[in-house]
Protein backbone atom coordinates (compact mmCIF):
# COMPACT_ATOMS: atom_id res chain seq x y z
CA SER A 1 -19.27 -8.78 -16.13
CA SER A 2 -17.79 -8.26 -19.80
CA GLY A 3 -15.46 -10.94 -20.13
CA LEU A 4 -15.45 -14.65 -19.86
CA THR A 5 -12.59 -17.12 -20.89
CA ARG A 6 -12.21 -20.96 -20.60
CA SER A 7 -10.12 -22.83 -17.96
CA THR A 8 -6.64 -23.57 -19.18
CA TRP A 9 -7.02 -26.63 -17.23
CA SER A 10 -9.36 -29.56 -18.40
CA ARG A 11 -12.32 -28.89 -16.58
CA ARG A 12 -15.83 -27.46 -17.11
CA VAL A 13 -14.84 -23.73 -15.86
CA LEU A 14 -15.28 -20.34 -17.10
CA TRP A 15 -13.49 -17.40 -15.85
CA THR A 16 -15.00 -13.90 -15.53
CA GLN A 17 -14.45 -10.76 -13.73
CA ASN A 18 -16.28 -7.94 -11.80
CA GLU A 19 -16.36 -4.64 -13.73
CA ARG A 20 -16.28 -1.78 -11.36
CA SER A 21 -15.02 -2.11 -7.84
CA SER A 22 -12.36 -0.67 -5.31
CA VAL A 23 -10.99 -4.23 -5.44
CA ALA A 24 -10.66 -6.68 -8.45
CA LYS A 25 -11.86 -9.90 -8.50
CA ILE A 26 -12.21 -12.88 -10.62
CA TYR A 27 -14.59 -15.71 -10.44
CA ALA A 28 -14.78 -19.43 -11.52
CA ILE A 29 -18.08 -20.14 -12.74
CA ASP A 30 -19.77 -23.79 -13.77
CA GLY A 31 -21.64 -24.02 -16.99
CA ASP A 32 -25.18 -23.30 -14.96
CA GLY A 33 -23.21 -19.92 -14.08
CA ALA A 34 -22.72 -21.00 -10.12
CA ARG A 35 -19.86 -19.66 -8.50
CA ARG A 36 -17.05 -22.20 -8.02
CA ALA A 37 -14.62 -19.86 -6.40
CA VAL A 38 -13.47 -16.01 -6.11
CA ILE A 39 -9.87 -14.97 -6.37
CA LYS A 40 -9.20 -11.51 -5.39
CA LEU A 41 -6.07 -9.95 -7.24
CA ALA A 42 -4.16 -8.51 -3.93
CA GLY A 43 -3.27 -4.79 -4.49
CA ALA A 44 -5.51 -3.99 -7.18
CA ARG A 45 -7.34 -0.81 -6.30
CA ARG A 46 -9.82 1.26 -8.00
CA VAL A 47 -10.29 -0.87 -11.34
CA ASN A 48 -12.61 -1.06 -14.18
CA LEU A 49 -11.94 -4.48 -15.57
CA GLN A 50 -13.51 -4.87 -18.99
CA ASP A 51 -11.80 -8.39 -20.22
CA ILE A 52 -10.13 -11.63 -19.10
CA ALA A 53 -8.38 -14.19 -21.59
CA SER A 54 -6.67 -17.38 -20.88
CA GLY A 55 -3.07 -17.86 -21.56
CA PRO A 56 0.02 -20.24 -21.85
CA ASP A 57 1.34 -22.14 -19.08
CA HIS A 58 -1.98 -21.83 -17.14
CA THR A 59 -2.34 -18.08 -17.09
CA LEU A 60 -5.16 -15.84 -16.95
CA TRP A 61 -4.77 -12.26 -18.26
CA VAL A 62 -7.01 -9.65 -16.87
CA GLY A 63 -7.64 -6.21 -18.41
CA ASP A 64 -8.19 -3.26 -16.37
CA ILE A 65 -8.71 -1.29 -19.52
CA GLY A 66 -12.28 0.37 -19.05
CA ASP A 67 -12.24 4.09 -19.83
CA ASP A 68 -15.73 5.27 -20.68
CA ARG A 69 -14.99 8.98 -20.37
CA ALA A 70 -11.92 8.80 -22.24
CA GLU A 71 -9.86 9.90 -19.39
CA ARG A 72 -6.94 7.46 -19.01
CA SER A 73 -3.57 7.80 -20.18
CA ARG A 74 -2.65 4.49 -18.84
CA ILE A 75 -4.13 0.76 -18.39
CA ARG A 76 -3.06 -2.18 -16.32
CA LEU A 77 -2.87 -5.88 -17.17
CA PHE A 78 -2.90 -8.38 -14.39
CA ARG A 79 -1.59 -12.02 -14.91
CA ILE A 80 -1.79 -15.06 -12.53
CA ARG A 81 -1.26 -18.57 -12.70
CA GLU A 82 -4.84 -20.09 -12.67
CA PRO A 83 -5.19 -22.24 -9.44
CA ARG A 84 -5.37 -26.02 -10.21
CA ARG A 85 -8.06 -26.58 -7.29
CA LEU A 86 -10.87 -24.23 -6.87
CA SER A 87 -10.99 -22.00 -3.83
CA ASP A 88 -11.41 -18.70 -2.67
CA ARG A 89 -8.17 -17.03 -1.96
CA SER A 90 -6.21 -13.50 -2.53
CA VAL A 91 -3.17 -13.68 -4.95
CA ASP A 92 -0.37 -11.43 -6.07
CA PRO A 93 -0.91 -10.73 -9.57
CA THR A 94 1.82 -9.76 -12.07
CA ARG A 95 1.50 -5.98 -12.89
CA TYR A 96 1.92 -4.40 -16.55
CA ARG A 97 1.21 -0.59 -17.05
CA LEU A 98 0.64 0.30 -20.28
CA ARG A 99 0.64 3.86 -21.59
CA TYR A 100 -1.58 5.08 -24.91
């Protein structure tokens, strides 16, 4: 995990992400680091997630921006609406493809 952001709801929850994986996931954790929920970003495969940020209107932004070998010409951002209720689930994110 390399990114951390606060919940957009009034609760003591932080969000983080897995770095390298064949499937993109974000994790809700409490102040002790205990997992509260896992959200799979449907359709996001072969990713190198490096950061996560809270946004307006209860959105979470996840950056597939890792490029240790400087080989990528494009990166991706995923936006989801942060769920009010925490539970494991799969969501279909809005995808943004950006080019260097």
